[in-house]
Amino acid sequence: MISIDHRDDLIAAVVFGEFTLADCREFEELADYMIKTGGSLDVLFDLREMSGFTVDLAVEEIRHTLRHAHDFRRIAILTDDQWVTWSAWVSQFFVDAEIKVFDNEEDARLWLESNQTPA
C-alpha cells in the first residue's frame, strides 16, 4: 500500500507492506501530471515500512526511470535496508537526479528543501 502527498514540486510517498505495481502506477500518474504542469520534481520515498516488492513493479520502475531520466532533481530515500540502498546507488547511473539515502526523515526533508527555489 502507498500513501502519497504532494505540494508544489515535491512528492512524498510512504510504502506500507508490499510495494505493488498498482502502487507504482499511482505514483507514476501523479509524477507524470506534475512534470507536465510544472517541470522537474523532488521526491521523498519512505520505504522504512516496506516489506518487499513485486517483480512487475521492479520492471515498471526501470521503465519509468528511463522515460524520466531528466525530470527529477533530488530523490531522498528513507530506509535501513541495504538492498534498497544498493538499488538507489545503481539508479544514479540512469538519472540526472541526485539520489541520497537517509535513515532520518527530518534530515531527508532538510536536504530536499535546501534545493527549493524561492517562490
PDB file of N, CA and C in Angstrom:
ATOM      1  N   MET A   1       0.844  -1.174   0.000  1.00  0.00           N
ATOM      2  CA  MET A   1       0.000   0.000   0.000  1.00  0.00           C
ATOM      3  C   MET A   1       0.894   1.243   0.000  1.00  0.00           C
ATOM      4  N   ILE A   2       0.429   2.260  -0.691  1.00  0.00           N
ATOM      5  CA  ILE A   2       1.200   3.504  -0.773  1.00  0.00           C
ATOM      6  C   ILE A   2       0.325   4.675  -0.331  1.00  0.00           C
ATOM      7  N   SER A   3       0.946   5.613   0.341  1.00  0.00           N
ATOM      8  CA  SER A   3       0.293   6.860   0.715  1.00  0.00           C
ATOM      9  C   SER A   3       1.120   7.978   0.083  1.00  0.00           C
ATOM     10  N   ILE A   4       0.453   8.844  -0.673  1.00  0.00           N
ATOM     11  CA  ILE A   4       1.164   9.887  -1.412  1.00  0.00           C
ATOM     12  C   ILE A   4       0.628  11.261  -1.033  1.00  0.00           C
ATOM     13  N   ASP A   5       1.562  12.186  -0.808  1.00  0.00           N
ATOM     14  CA  ASP A   5       1.228  13.582  -0.542  1.00  0.00           C
ATOM     15  C   ASP A   5       2.067  14.410  -1.507  1.00  0.00           C
ATOM     16  N   HIS A   6       1.565  15.554  -1.903  1.00  0.00           N
ATOM     17  CA  HIS A   6       2.351  16.400  -2.797  1.00  0.00           C
ATOM     18  C   HIS A   6       2.038  17.865  -2.544  1.00  0.00           C
ATOM     19  N   ARG A   7       3.039  18.685  -2.831  1.00  0.00           N
ATOM     20  CA  ARG A   7       2.868  20.139  -2.787  1.00  0.00           C
ATOM     21  C   ARG A   7       3.930  20.729  -3.702  1.00  0.00           C
ATOM     22  N   ASP A   8       3.568  21.782  -4.356  1.00  0.00           N
ATOM     23  CA  ASP A   8       4.487  22.480  -5.260  1.00  0.00           C
ATOM     24  C   ASP A   8       5.212  21.481  -6.159  1.00  0.00           C
ATOM     25  N   ASP A   9       6.494  21.307  -5.950  1.00  0.00           N
ATOM     26  CA  ASP A   9       7.283  20.420  -6.805  1.00  0.00           C
ATOM     27  C   ASP A   9       7.904  19.269  -6.016  1.00  0.00           C
ATOM     28  N   LEU A  10       7.179  18.811  -4.964  1.00  0.00           N
ATOM     29  CA  LEU A  10       7.643  17.711  -4.129  1.00  0.00           C
ATOM     30  C   LEU A  10       6.548  16.658  -3.994  1.00  0.00           C
ATOM     31  N   ILE A  11       6.928  15.405  -4.225  1.00  0.00           N
ATOM     32  CA  ILE A  11       6.048  14.273  -3.959  1.00  0.00           C
ATOM     33  C   ILE A  11       6.657  13.502  -2.800  1.00  0.00           C
ATOM     34  N   ALA A  12       5.841  13.234  -1.786  1.00  0.00           N
ATOM     35  CA  ALA A  12       6.269  12.410  -0.654  1.00  0.00           C
ATOM     36  C   ALA A  12       5.410  11.148  -0.646  1.00  0.00           C
ATOM     37  N   ALA A  13       6.070   9.999  -0.722  1.00  0.00           N
ATOM     38  CA  ALA A  13       5.358   8.720  -0.763  1.00  0.00           C
ATOM     39  C   ALA A  13       5.863   7.805   0.349  1.00  0.00           C
ATOM     40  N   VAL A  14       4.918   7.165   1.040  1.00  0.00           N
ATOM     41  CA  VAL A  14       5.245   6.202   2.083  1.00  0.00           C
ATOM     42  C   VAL A  14       4.671   4.861   1.655  1.00  0.00           C
ATOM     43  N   VAL A  15       5.512   3.827   1.686  1.00  0.00           N
ATOM     44  CA  VAL A  15       5.075   2.484   1.314  1.00  0.00           C
ATOM     45  C   VAL A  15       4.939   1.647   2.581  1.00  0.00           C
ATOM     46  N   PHE A  16       3.780   0.993   2.717  1.00  0.00           N
ATOM     47  CA  PHE A  16       3.498   0.097   3.837  1.00  0.00           C
ATOM     48  C   PHE A  16       3.304  -1.307   3.281  1.00  0.00           C
ATOM     49  N   GLY A  17       4.006  -2.273   3.817  1.00  0.00           N
ATOM     50  CA  GLY A  17       3.851  -3.652   3.347  1.00  0.00           C
ATOM     51  C   GLY A  17       4.496  -3.833   1.988  1.00  0.00           C
ATOM     52  N   GLU A  18       3.850  -4.636   1.148  1.00  0.00           N
ATOM     53  CA  GLU A  18       4.411  -4.929  -0.172  1.00  0.00           C
ATOM     54  C   GLU A  18       4.149  -3.779  -1.146  1.00  0.00           C
ATOM     55  N   PHE A  19       5.192  -3.365  -1.857  1.00  0.00           N
ATOM     56  CA  PHE A  19       5.105  -2.324  -2.890  1.00  0.00           C
ATOM     57  C   PHE A  19       4.703  -3.022  -4.177  1.00  0.00           C
ATOM     58  N   THR A  20       3.525  -2.684  -4.698  1.00  0.00           N
ATOM     59  CA  THR A  20       2.969  -3.391  -5.853  1.00  0.00           C
ATOM     60  C   THR A  20       2.980  -2.518  -7.100  1.00  0.00           C
ATOM     61  N   LEU A  21       2.679  -3.157  -8.230  1.00  0.00           N
ATOM     62  CA  LEU A  21       2.581  -2.441  -9.496  1.00  0.00           C
ATOM     63  C   LEU A  21       1.494  -1.369  -9.426  1.00  0.00           C
ATOM     64  N   ALA A  22       0.373  -1.661  -8.783  1.00  0.00           N
ATOM     65  CA  ALA A  22      -0.707  -0.670  -8.655  1.00  0.00           C
ATOM     66  C   ALA A  22      -0.222   0.552  -7.872  1.00  0.00           C
ATOM     67  N   ASP A  23       0.560   0.319  -6.814  1.00  0.00           N
ATOM     68  CA  ASP A  23       1.129   1.429  -6.047  1.00  0.00           C
ATOM     69  C   ASP A  23       2.044   2.272  -6.926  1.00  0.00           C
ATOM     70  N   CYS A  24       2.874   1.600  -7.677  1.00  0.00           N
ATOM     71  CA  CYS A  24       3.822   2.287  -8.557  1.00  0.00           C
ATOM     72  C   CYS A  24       3.084   3.139  -9.585  1.00  0.00           C
ATOM     73  N   ARG A  25       2.042   2.581 -10.156  1.00  0.00           N
ATOM     74  CA  ARG A  25       1.274   3.315 -11.173  1.00  0.00           C
ATOM     75  C   ARG A  25       0.601   4.544 -10.568  1.00  0.00           C
ATOM     76  N   GLU A  26       0.132   4.437  -9.325  1.00  0.00           N
ATOM     77  CA  GLU A  26      -0.460   5.593  -8.652  1.00  0.00           C
ATOM     78  C   GLU A  26       0.580   6.713  -8.524  1.00  0.00           C
ATOM     79  N   PHE A  27       1.785   6.355  -8.102  1.00  0.00           N
ATOM     80  CA  PHE A  27       2.869   7.336  -8.007  1.00  0.00           C
ATOM     81  C   PHE A  27       3.194   7.912  -9.385  1.00  0.00           C
ATOM     82  N   GLU A  28       3.322   7.049 -10.389  1.00  0.00           N
ATOM     83  CA  GLU A  28       3.687   7.492 -11.738  1.00  0.00           C
ATOM     84  C   GLU A  28       2.674   8.472 -12.323  1.00  0.00           C
ATOM     85  N   GLU A  29       1.387   8.205 -12.128  1.00  0.00           N
ATOM     86  CA  GLU A  29       0.353   9.098 -12.660  1.00  0.00           C
ATOM     87  C   GLU A  29       0.493  10.496 -12.081  1.00  0.00           C
ATOM     88  N   LEU A  30       0.698  10.582 -10.781  1.00  0.00           N
ATOM     89  CA  LEU A  30       0.869  11.891 -10.155  1.00  0.00           C
ATOM     90  C   LEU A  30       2.156  12.549 -10.638  1.00  0.00           C
ATOM     91  N   ALA A  31       3.242  11.805 -10.672  1.00  0.00           N
ATOM     92  CA  ALA A  31       4.527  12.360 -11.119  1.00  0.00           C
ATOM     93  C   ALA A  31       4.424  12.851 -12.560  1.00  0.00           C
ATOM     94  N   ASP A  32       3.826  12.056 -13.434  1.00  0.00           N
ATOM     95  CA  ASP A  32       3.682  12.458 -14.840  1.00  0.00           C
ATOM     96  C   ASP A  32       2.879  13.751 -14.963  1.00  0.00           C
ATOM     97  N   TYR A  33       1.787  13.843 -14.209  1.00  0.00           N
ATOM     98  CA  TYR A  33       0.962  15.050 -14.230  1.00  0.00           C
ATOM     99  C   TYR A  33       1.757  16.257 -13.743  1.00  0.00           C
ATOM    100  N   MET A  34       2.462  16.100 -12.630  1.00  0.00           N
ATOM    101  CA  MET A  34       3.212  17.225 -12.063  1.00  0.00           C
ATOM    102  C   MET A  34       4.370  17.645 -12.976  1.00  0.00           C
ATOM    103  N   ILE A  35       4.989  16.703 -13.641  1.00  0.00           N
ATOM    104  CA  ILE A  35       6.070  17.025 -14.574  1.00  0.00           C
ATOM    105  C   ILE A  35       5.519  17.815 -15.760  1.00  0.00           C
ATOM    106  N   LYS A  36       4.366  17.379 -16.281  1.00  0.00           N
ATOM    107  CA  LYS A  36       3.757  18.077 -17.423  1.00  0.00           C
ATOM    108  C   LYS A  36       3.340  19.504 -17.065  1.00  0.00           C
ATOM    109  N   THR A  37       2.864  19.700 -15.845  1.00  0.00           N
ATOM    110  CA  THR A  37       2.344  21.013 -15.473  1.00  0.00           C
ATOM    111  C   THR A  37       3.371  21.922 -14.815  1.00  0.00           C
ATOM    112  N   GLY A  38       4.440  21.358 -14.266  1.00  0.00           N
ATOM    113  CA  GLY A  38       5.352  22.225 -13.533  1.00  0.00           C
ATOM    114  C   GLY A  38       6.831  21.988 -13.734  1.00  0.00           C
ATOM    115  N   GLY A  39       7.197  20.975 -14.454  1.00  0.00           N
ATOM    116  CA  GLY A  39       8.620  20.724 -14.664  1.00  0.00           C
ATOM    117  C   GLY A  39       9.185  19.692 -13.713  1.00  0.00           C
ATOM    118  N   SER A  40      10.465  19.817 -13.413  1.00  0.00           N
ATOM    119  CA  SER A  40      11.149  18.786 -12.643  1.00  0.00           C
ATOM    120  C   SER A  40      10.715  18.758 -11.177  1.00  0.00           C
ATOM    121  N   LEU A  41      10.904  17.595 -10.545  1.00  0.00           N
ATOM    122  CA  LEU A  41      10.391  17.331  -9.209  1.00  0.00           C
ATOM    123  C   LEU A  41      11.468  16.862  -8.253  1.00  0.00           C
ATOM    124  N   ASP A  42      11.155  16.997  -6.971  1.00  0.00           N
ATOM    125  CA  ASP A  42      11.884  16.339  -5.901  1.00  0.00           C
ATOM    126  C   ASP A  42      10.956  15.255  -5.358  1.00  0.00           C
ATOM    127  N   VAL A  43      11.557  14.177  -4.859  1.00  0.00           N
ATOM    128  CA  VAL A  43      10.768  13.058  -4.358  1.00  0.00           C
ATOM    129  C   VAL A  43      11.333  12.599  -3.023  1.00  0.00           C
ATOM    130  N   LEU A  44      10.427  12.295  -2.095  1.00  0.00           N
ATOM    131  CA  LEU A  44      10.780  11.674  -0.824  1.00  0.00           C
ATOM    132  C   LEU A  44      10.068  10.328  -0.785  1.00  0.00           C
ATOM    133  N   PHE A  45      10.836   9.239  -0.815  1.00  0.00           N
ATOM    134  CA  PHE A  45      10.295   7.891  -0.699  1.00  0.00           C
ATOM    135  C   PHE A  45      10.622   7.357   0.681  1.00  0.00           C
ATOM    136  N   ASP A  46       9.592   7.081   1.479  1.00  0.00           N
ATOM    137  CA  ASP A  46       9.783   6.469   2.795  1.00  0.00           C
ATOM    138  C   ASP A  46       9.504   4.979   2.646  1.00  0.00           C
ATOM    139  N   LEU A  47      10.570   4.197   2.637  1.00  0.00           N
ATOM    140  CA  LEU A  47      10.453   2.755   2.447  1.00  0.00           C
ATOM    141  C   LEU A  47      10.755   1.976   3.728  1.00  0.00           C
ATOM    142  N   ARG A  48      10.722   2.664   4.863  1.00  0.00           N
ATOM    143  CA  ARG A  48      11.053   2.002   6.131  1.00  0.00           C
ATOM    144  C   ARG A  48      10.041   0.937   6.523  1.00  0.00           C
ATOM    145  N   GLU A  49       8.796   1.061   6.070  1.00  0.00           N
ATOM    146  CA  GLU A  49       7.755   0.079   6.409  1.00  0.00           C
ATOM    147  C   GLU A  49       7.470  -0.881   5.260  1.00  0.00           C
ATOM    148  N   MET A  50       8.275  -0.828   4.200  1.00  0.00           N
ATOM    149  CA  MET A  50       8.086  -1.712   3.050  1.00  0.00           C
ATOM    150  C   MET A  50       8.593  -3.107   3.411  1.00  0.00           C
ATOM    151  N   SER A  51       7.772  -4.114   3.125  1.00  0.00           N
ATOM    152  CA  SER A  51       8.176  -5.488   3.426  1.00  0.00           C
ATOM    153  C   SER A  51       8.755  -6.195   2.206  1.00  0.00           C
ATOM    154  N   GLY A  52       8.524  -5.636   1.029  1.00  0.00           N
ATOM    155  CA  GLY A  52       9.024  -6.241  -0.197  1.00  0.00           C
ATOM    156  C   GLY A  52       8.365  -5.584  -1.392  1.00  0.00           C
ATOM    157  N   PHE A  53       8.663  -6.127  -2.571  1.00  0.00           N
ATOM    158  CA  PHE A  53       8.065  -5.589  -3.785  1.00  0.00           C
ATOM    159  C   PHE A  53       7.871  -6.715  -4.783  1.00  0.00           C
ATOM    160  N   THR A  54       6.978  -6.484  -5.741  1.00  0.00           N
ATOM    161  CA  THR A  54       6.705  -7.489  -6.757  1.00  0.00           C
ATOM    162  C   THR A  54       7.667  -7.314  -7.928  1.00  0.00           C
ATOM    163  N   VAL A  55       7.890  -8.392  -8.674  1.00  0.00           N
ATOM    164  CA  VAL A  55       8.806  -8.350  -9.816  1.00  0.00           C
ATOM    165  C   VAL A  55       8.293  -7.392 -10.881  1.00  0.00           C
ATOM    166  N   ASP A  56       6.970  -7.403 -11.139  1.00  0.00           N
ATOM    167  CA  ASP A  56       6.436  -6.496 -12.152  1.00  0.00           C
ATOM    168  C   ASP A  56       6.644  -5.041 -11.754  1.00  0.00           C
ATOM    169  N   LEU A  57       6.671  -4.752 -10.469  1.00  0.00           N
ATOM    170  CA  LEU A  57       6.969  -3.401 -10.004  1.00  0.00           C
ATOM    171  C   LEU A  57       8.397  -3.019 -10.382  1.00  0.00           C
ATOM    172  N   ALA A  58       9.335  -3.911 -10.162  1.00  0.00           N
ATOM    173  CA  ALA A  58      10.736  -3.623 -10.463  1.00  0.00           C
ATOM    174  C   ALA A  58      10.918  -3.292 -11.947  1.00  0.00           C
ATOM    175  N   VAL A  59      10.277  -4.053 -12.814  1.00  0.00           N
ATOM    176  CA  VAL A  59      10.365  -3.799 -14.257  1.00  0.00           C
ATOM    177  C   VAL A  59       9.759  -2.440 -14.598  1.00  0.00           C
ATOM    178  N   GLU A  60       8.588  -2.131 -14.046  1.00  0.00           N
ATOM    179  CA  GLU A  60       7.930  -0.850 -14.318  1.00  0.00           C
ATOM    180  C   GLU A  60       8.751   0.314 -13.784  1.00  0.00           C
ATOM    181  N   GLU A  61       9.370   0.147 -12.626  1.00  0.00           N
ATOM    182  CA  GLU A  61      10.198   1.213 -12.070  1.00  0.00           C
ATOM    183  C   GLU A  61      11.352   1.548 -13.017  1.00  0.00           C
ATOM    184  N   ILE A  62      11.966   0.543 -13.583  1.00  0.00           N
ATOM    185  CA  ILE A  62      13.060   0.769 -14.535  1.00  0.00           C
ATOM    186  C   ILE A  62      12.548   1.525 -15.757  1.00  0.00           C
ATOM    187  N   ARG A  63      11.418   1.117 -16.287  1.00  0.00           N
ATOM    188  CA  ARG A  63      10.834   1.801 -17.462  1.00  0.00           C
ATOM    189  C   ARG A  63      10.546   3.271 -17.165  1.00  0.00           C
ATOM    190  N   HIS A  64       9.909   3.524 -16.026  1.00  0.00           N
ATOM    191  CA  HIS A  64       9.551   4.894 -15.657  1.00  0.00           C
ATOM    192  C   HIS A  64      10.806   5.736 -15.446  1.00  0.00           C
ATOM    193  N   THR A  65      11.796   5.162 -14.807  1.00  0.00           N
ATOM    194  CA  THR A  65      13.053   5.870 -14.567  1.00  0.00           C
ATOM    195  C   THR A  65      13.700   6.279 -15.891  1.00  0.00           C
ATOM    196  N   LEU A  66      13.737   5.379 -16.841  1.00  0.00           N
ATOM    197  CA  LEU A  66      14.356   5.690 -18.131  1.00  0.00           C
ATOM    198  C   LEU A  66      13.554   6.731 -18.911  1.00  0.00           C
ATOM    199  N   ARG A  67      12.218   6.686 -18.818  1.00  0.00           N
ATOM    200  CA  ARG A  67      11.381   7.690 -19.500  1.00  0.00           C
ATOM    201  C   ARG A  67      11.577   9.081 -18.914  1.00  0.00           C
ATOM    202  N   HIS A  68      11.911   9.157 -17.640  1.00  0.00           N
ATOM    203  CA  HIS A  68      12.003  10.444 -16.952  1.00  0.00           C
ATOM    204  C   HIS A  68      13.400  10.680 -16.382  1.00  0.00           C
ATOM    205  N   ALA A  69      14.402  10.275 -17.097  1.00  0.00           N
ATOM    206  CA  ALA A  69      15.788  10.362 -16.615  1.00  0.00           C
ATOM    207  C   ALA A  69      16.208  11.791 -16.277  1.00  0.00           C
ATOM    208  N   HIS A  70      15.554  12.783 -16.885  1.00  0.00           N
ATOM    209  CA  HIS A  70      15.959  14.177 -16.696  1.00  0.00           C
ATOM    210  C   HIS A  70      14.910  15.008 -15.943  1.00  0.00           C
ATOM    211  N   ASP A  71      13.866  14.367 -15.431  1.00  0.00           N
ATOM    212  CA  ASP A  71      12.730  15.101 -14.864  1.00  0.00           C
ATOM    213  C   ASP A  71      12.721  15.209 -13.337  1.00  0.00           C
ATOM    214  N   PHE A  72      13.667  14.576 -12.679  1.00  0.00           N
ATOM    215  CA  PHE A  72      13.730  14.640 -11.224  1.00  0.00           C
ATOM    216  C   PHE A  72      15.012  15.339 -10.809  1.00  0.00           C
ATOM    217  N   ARG A  73      14.908  16.238  -9.803  1.00  0.00           N
ATOM    218  CA  ARG A  73      16.087  16.948  -9.298  1.00  0.00           C
ATOM    219  C   ARG A  73      16.768  16.158  -8.190  1.00  0.00           C
ATOM    220  N   ARG A  74      16.014  15.919  -7.137  1.00  0.00           N
ATOM    221  CA  ARG A  74      16.542  15.202  -5.976  1.00  0.00           C
ATOM    222  C   ARG A  74      15.558  14.124  -5.551  1.00  0.00           C
ATOM    223  N   ILE A  75      16.109  12.982  -5.171  1.00  0.00           N
ATOM    224  CA  ILE A  75      15.302  11.886  -4.665  1.00  0.00           C
ATOM    225  C   ILE A  75      15.905  11.466  -3.331  1.00  0.00           C
ATOM    226  N   ALA A  76      15.126  11.635  -2.270  1.00  0.00           N
ATOM    227  CA  ALA A  76      15.544  11.218  -0.928  1.00  0.00           C
ATOM    228  C   ALA A  76      14.820   9.918  -0.606  1.00  0.00           C
ATOM    229  N   ILE A  77      15.574   8.930  -0.162  1.00  0.00           N
ATOM    230  CA  ILE A  77      15.004   7.628   0.164  1.00  0.00           C
ATOM    231  C   ILE A  77      15.255   7.345   1.639  1.00  0.00           C
ATOM    232  N   LEU A  78      14.172   7.099   2.359  1.00  0.00           N
ATOM    233  CA  LEU A  78      14.269   6.731   3.771  1.00  0.00           C
ATOM    234  C   LEU A  78      14.220   5.208   3.879  1.00  0.00           C
ATOM    235  N   THR A  79      15.305   4.604   4.370  1.00  0.00           N
ATOM    236  CA  THR A  79      15.355   3.151   4.521  1.00  0.00           C
ATOM    237  C   THR A  79      16.524   2.764   5.401  1.00  0.00           C
ATOM    238  N   ASP A  80      16.442   1.557   5.931  1.00  0.00           N
ATOM    239  CA  ASP A  80      17.587   0.977   6.618  1.00  0.00           C
ATOM    240  C   ASP A  80      17.953  -0.356   5.968  1.00  0.00           C
ATOM    241  N   ASP A  81      17.362  -0.631   4.819  1.00  0.00           N
ATOM    242  CA  ASP A  81      17.582  -1.872   4.084  1.00  0.00           C
ATOM    243  C   ASP A  81      18.765  -1.717   3.130  1.00  0.00           C
ATOM    244  N   GLN A  82      19.745  -2.577   3.241  1.00  0.00           N
ATOM    245  CA  GLN A  82      20.948  -2.496   2.402  1.00  0.00           C
ATOM    246  C   GLN A  82      20.656  -2.715   0.925  1.00  0.00           C
ATOM    247  N   TRP A  83      19.683  -3.584   0.587  1.00  0.00           N
ATOM    248  CA  TRP A  83      19.352  -3.817  -0.819  1.00  0.00           C
ATOM    249  C   TRP A  83      18.731  -2.576  -1.449  1.00  0.00           C
ATOM    250  N   VAL A  84      17.897  -1.894  -0.714  1.00  0.00           N
ATOM    251  CA  VAL A  84      17.299  -0.655  -1.224  1.00  0.00           C
ATOM    252  C   VAL A  84      18.386   0.403  -1.392  1.00  0.00           C
ATOM    253  N   THR A  85      19.303   0.481  -0.449  1.00  0.00           N
ATOM    254  CA  THR A  85      20.416   1.423  -0.538  1.00  0.00           C
ATOM    255  C   THR A  85      21.257   1.124  -1.772  1.00  0.00           C
ATOM    256  N   TRP A  86      21.558  -0.131  -1.993  1.00  0.00           N
ATOM    257  CA  TRP A  86      22.338  -0.533  -3.169  1.00  0.00           C
ATOM    258  C   TRP A  86      21.593  -0.185  -4.456  1.00  0.00           C
ATOM    259  N   SER A  87      20.295  -0.452  -4.494  1.00  0.00           N
ATOM    260  CA  SER A  87      19.476  -0.142  -5.666  1.00  0.00           C
ATOM    261  C   SER A  87      19.483   1.364  -5.957  1.00  0.00           C
ATOM    262  N   ALA A  88      19.414   2.178  -4.915  1.00  0.00           N
ATOM    263  CA  ALA A  88      19.461   3.635  -5.083  1.00  0.00           C
ATOM    264  C   ALA A  88      20.799   4.051  -5.684  1.00  0.00           C
ATOM    265  N   TRP A  89      21.867   3.438  -5.223  1.00  0.00           N
ATOM    266  CA  TRP A  89      23.199   3.760  -5.747  1.00  0.00           C
ATOM    267  C   TRP A  89      23.276   3.428  -7.241  1.00  0.00           C
ATOM    268  N   VAL A  90      22.768   2.259  -7.638  1.00  0.00           N
ATOM    269  CA  VAL A  90      22.780   1.856  -9.046  1.00  0.00           C
ATOM    270  C   VAL A  90      21.914   2.794  -9.887  1.00  0.00           C
ATOM    271  N   SER A  91      20.780   3.222  -9.354  1.00  0.00           N
ATOM    272  CA  SER A  91      19.858   4.097 -10.095  1.00  0.00           C
ATOM    273  C   SER A  91      20.504   5.412 -10.511  1.00  0.00           C
ATOM    274  N   GLN A  92      21.501   5.858  -9.766  1.00  0.00           N
ATOM    275  CA  GLN A  92      22.167   7.120 -10.086  1.00  0.00           C
ATOM    276  C   GLN A  92      22.811   7.107 -11.465  1.00  0.00           C
ATOM    277  N   PHE A  93      23.098   5.939 -11.986  1.00  0.00           N
ATOM    278  CA  PHE A  93      23.713   5.837 -13.311  1.00  0.00           C
ATOM    279  C   PHE A  93      22.721   6.113 -14.436  1.00  0.00           C
ATOM    280  N   PHE A  94      21.419   6.080 -14.130  1.00  0.00           N
ATOM    281  CA  PHE A  94      20.396   6.191 -15.159  1.00  0.00           C
ATOM    282  C   PHE A  94      19.595   7.478 -15.122  1.00  0.00           C
ATOM    283  N   VAL A  95      19.796   8.302 -14.112  1.00  0.00           N
ATOM    284  CA  VAL A  95      19.041   9.544 -13.996  1.00  0.00           C
ATOM    285  C   VAL A  95      19.984  10.699 -13.682  1.00  0.00           C
ATOM    286  N   ASP A  96      19.529  11.904 -14.001  1.00  0.00           N
ATOM    287  CA  ASP A  96      20.300  13.104 -13.672  1.00  0.00           C
ATOM    288  C   ASP A  96      20.125  13.511 -12.211  1.00  0.00           C
ATOM    289  N   ALA A  97      19.111  12.981 -11.559  1.00  0.00           N
ATOM    290  CA  ALA A  97      18.772  13.388 -10.190  1.00  0.00           C
ATOM    291  C   ALA A  97      19.867  13.004  -9.205  1.00  0.00           C
ATOM    292  N   GLU A  98      19.982  13.842  -8.185  1.00  0.00           N
ATOM    293  CA  GLU A  98      20.790  13.466  -7.033  1.00  0.00           C
ATOM    294  C   GLU A  98      19.938  12.502  -6.208  1.00  0.00           C
ATOM    295  N   ILE A  99      20.510  11.381  -5.828  1.00  0.00           N
ATOM    296  CA  ILE A  99      19.799  10.402  -5.010  1.00  0.00           C
ATOM    297  C   ILE A  99      20.592  10.205  -3.730  1.00  0.00           C
ATOM    298  N   LYS A 100      19.887  10.325  -2.614  1.00  0.00           N
ATOM    299  CA  LYS A 100      20.561  10.173  -1.332  1.00  0.00           C
ATOM    300  C   LYS A 100      19.679   9.348  -0.401  1.00  0.00           C
ATOM    301  N   VAL A 101      20.305   8.446   0.348  1.00  0.00           N
ATOM    302  CA  VAL A 101      19.595   7.580   1.279  1.00  0.00           C
ATOM    303  C   VAL A 101      19.747   8.132   2.695  1.00  0.00           C
ATOM    304  N   PHE A 102      18.638   8.135   3.429  1.00  0.00           N
ATOM    305  CA  PHE A 102      18.602   8.657   4.790  1.00  0.00           C
ATOM    306  C   PHE A 102      17.963   7.626   5.716  1.00  0.00           C
ATOM    307  N   ASP A 103      18.278   7.728   7.003  1.00  0.00           N
ATOM    308  CA  ASP A 103      17.567   6.936   7.996  1.00  0.00           C
ATOM    309  C   ASP A 103      16.729   7.839   8.901  1.00  0.00           C
ATOM    310  N   ASN A 104      16.759   9.158   8.624  1.00  0.00           N
ATOM    311  CA  ASN A 104      16.035  10.134   9.427  1.00  0.00           C
ATOM    312  C   ASN A 104      15.226  11.038   8.501  1.00  0.00           C
ATOM    313  N   GLU A 105      13.907  11.099   8.721  1.00  0.00           N
ATOM    314  CA  GLU A 105      13.033  11.881   7.843  1.00  0.00           C
ATOM    315  C   GLU A 105      13.344  13.372   7.883  1.00  0.00           C
ATOM    316  N   GLU A 106      13.656  13.899   9.047  1.00  0.00           N
ATOM    317  CA  GLU A 106      13.949  15.331   9.156  1.00  0.00           C
ATOM    318  C   GLU A 106      15.168  15.695   8.300  1.00  0.00           C
ATOM    319  N   ASP A 107      16.211  14.872   8.347  1.00  0.00           N
ATOM    320  CA  ASP A 107      17.399  15.126   7.522  1.00  0.00           C
ATOM    321  C   ASP A 107      17.067  15.070   6.037  1.00  0.00           C
ATOM    322  N   ALA A 108      16.229  14.111   5.658  1.00  0.00           N
ATOM    323  CA  ALA A 108      15.834  13.979   4.251  1.00  0.00           C
ATOM    324  C   ALA A 108      15.069  15.209   3.776  1.00  0.00           C
ATOM    325  N   ARG A 109      14.126  15.655   4.573  1.00  0.00           N
ATOM    326  CA  ARG A 109      13.339  16.840   4.193  1.00  0.00           C
ATOM    327  C   ARG A 109      14.201  18.103   4.145  1.00  0.00           C
ATOM    328  N   LEU A 110      15.122  18.251   5.090  1.00  0.00           N
ATOM    329  CA  LEU A 110      16.025  19.406   5.066  1.00  0.00           C
ATOM    330  C   LEU A 110      16.881  19.402   3.803  1.00  0.00           C
ATOM    331  N   TRP A 111      17.375  18.245   3.412  1.00  0.00           N
ATOM    332  CA  TRP A 111      18.176  18.128   2.201  1.00  0.00           C
ATOM    333  C   TRP A 111      17.351  18.521   0.976  1.00  0.00           C
ATOM    334  N   LEU A 112      16.106  18.026   0.897  1.00  0.00           N
ATOM    335  CA  LEU A 112      15.247  18.376  -0.232  1.00  0.00           C
ATOM    336  C   LEU A 112      14.915  19.870  -0.240  1.00  0.00           C
ATOM    337  N   GLU A 113      14.616  20.437   0.910  1.00  0.00           N
ATOM    338  CA  GLU A 113      14.255  21.851   0.989  1.00  0.00           C
ATOM    339  C   GLU A 113      15.441  22.754   0.681  1.00  0.00           C
ATOM    340  N   SER A 114      16.647  22.291   0.898  1.00  0.00           N
ATOM    341  CA  SER A 114      17.819  23.120   0.604  1.00  0.00           C
ATOM    342  C   SER A 114      17.980  23.371  -0.880  1.00  0.00           C
ATOM    343  N   ASN A 115      17.241  22.636  -1.692  1.00  0.00           N
ATOM    344  CA  ASN A 115      17.317  22.784  -3.146  1.00  0.00           C
ATOM    345  C   ASN A 115      16.120  23.528  -3.716  1.00  0.00           C
ATOM    346  N   GLN A 116      15.179  23.913  -2.874  1.00  0.00           N
ATOM    347  CA  GLN A 116      13.974  24.591  -3.347  1.00  0.00           C
ATOM    348  C   GLN A 116      14.299  25.994  -3.836  1.00  0.00           C
ATOM    349  N   THR A 117      13.642  26.383  -4.907  1.00  0.00           N
ATOM    350  CA  THR A 117      13.801  27.739  -5.413  1.00  0.00           C
ATOM    351  C   THR A 117      12.729  28.619  -4.770  1.00  0.00           C
ATOM    352  N   PRO A 118      13.059  29.847  -4.405  1.00  0.00           N
ATOM    353  CA  PRO A 118      12.070  30.720  -3.780  1.00  0.00           C
ATOM    354  C   PRO A 118      10.906  31.018  -4.720  1.00  0.00           C
ATOM    355  N   ALA A 119       9.732  31.134  -4.138  1.00  0.00           N
ATOM    356  CA  ALA A 119       8.522  31.418  -4.941  1.00  0.00           C
ATOM    357  C   ALA A 119       8.451  32.863  -5.339  1.00  0.00           C
TER     358      ALA A 119
END
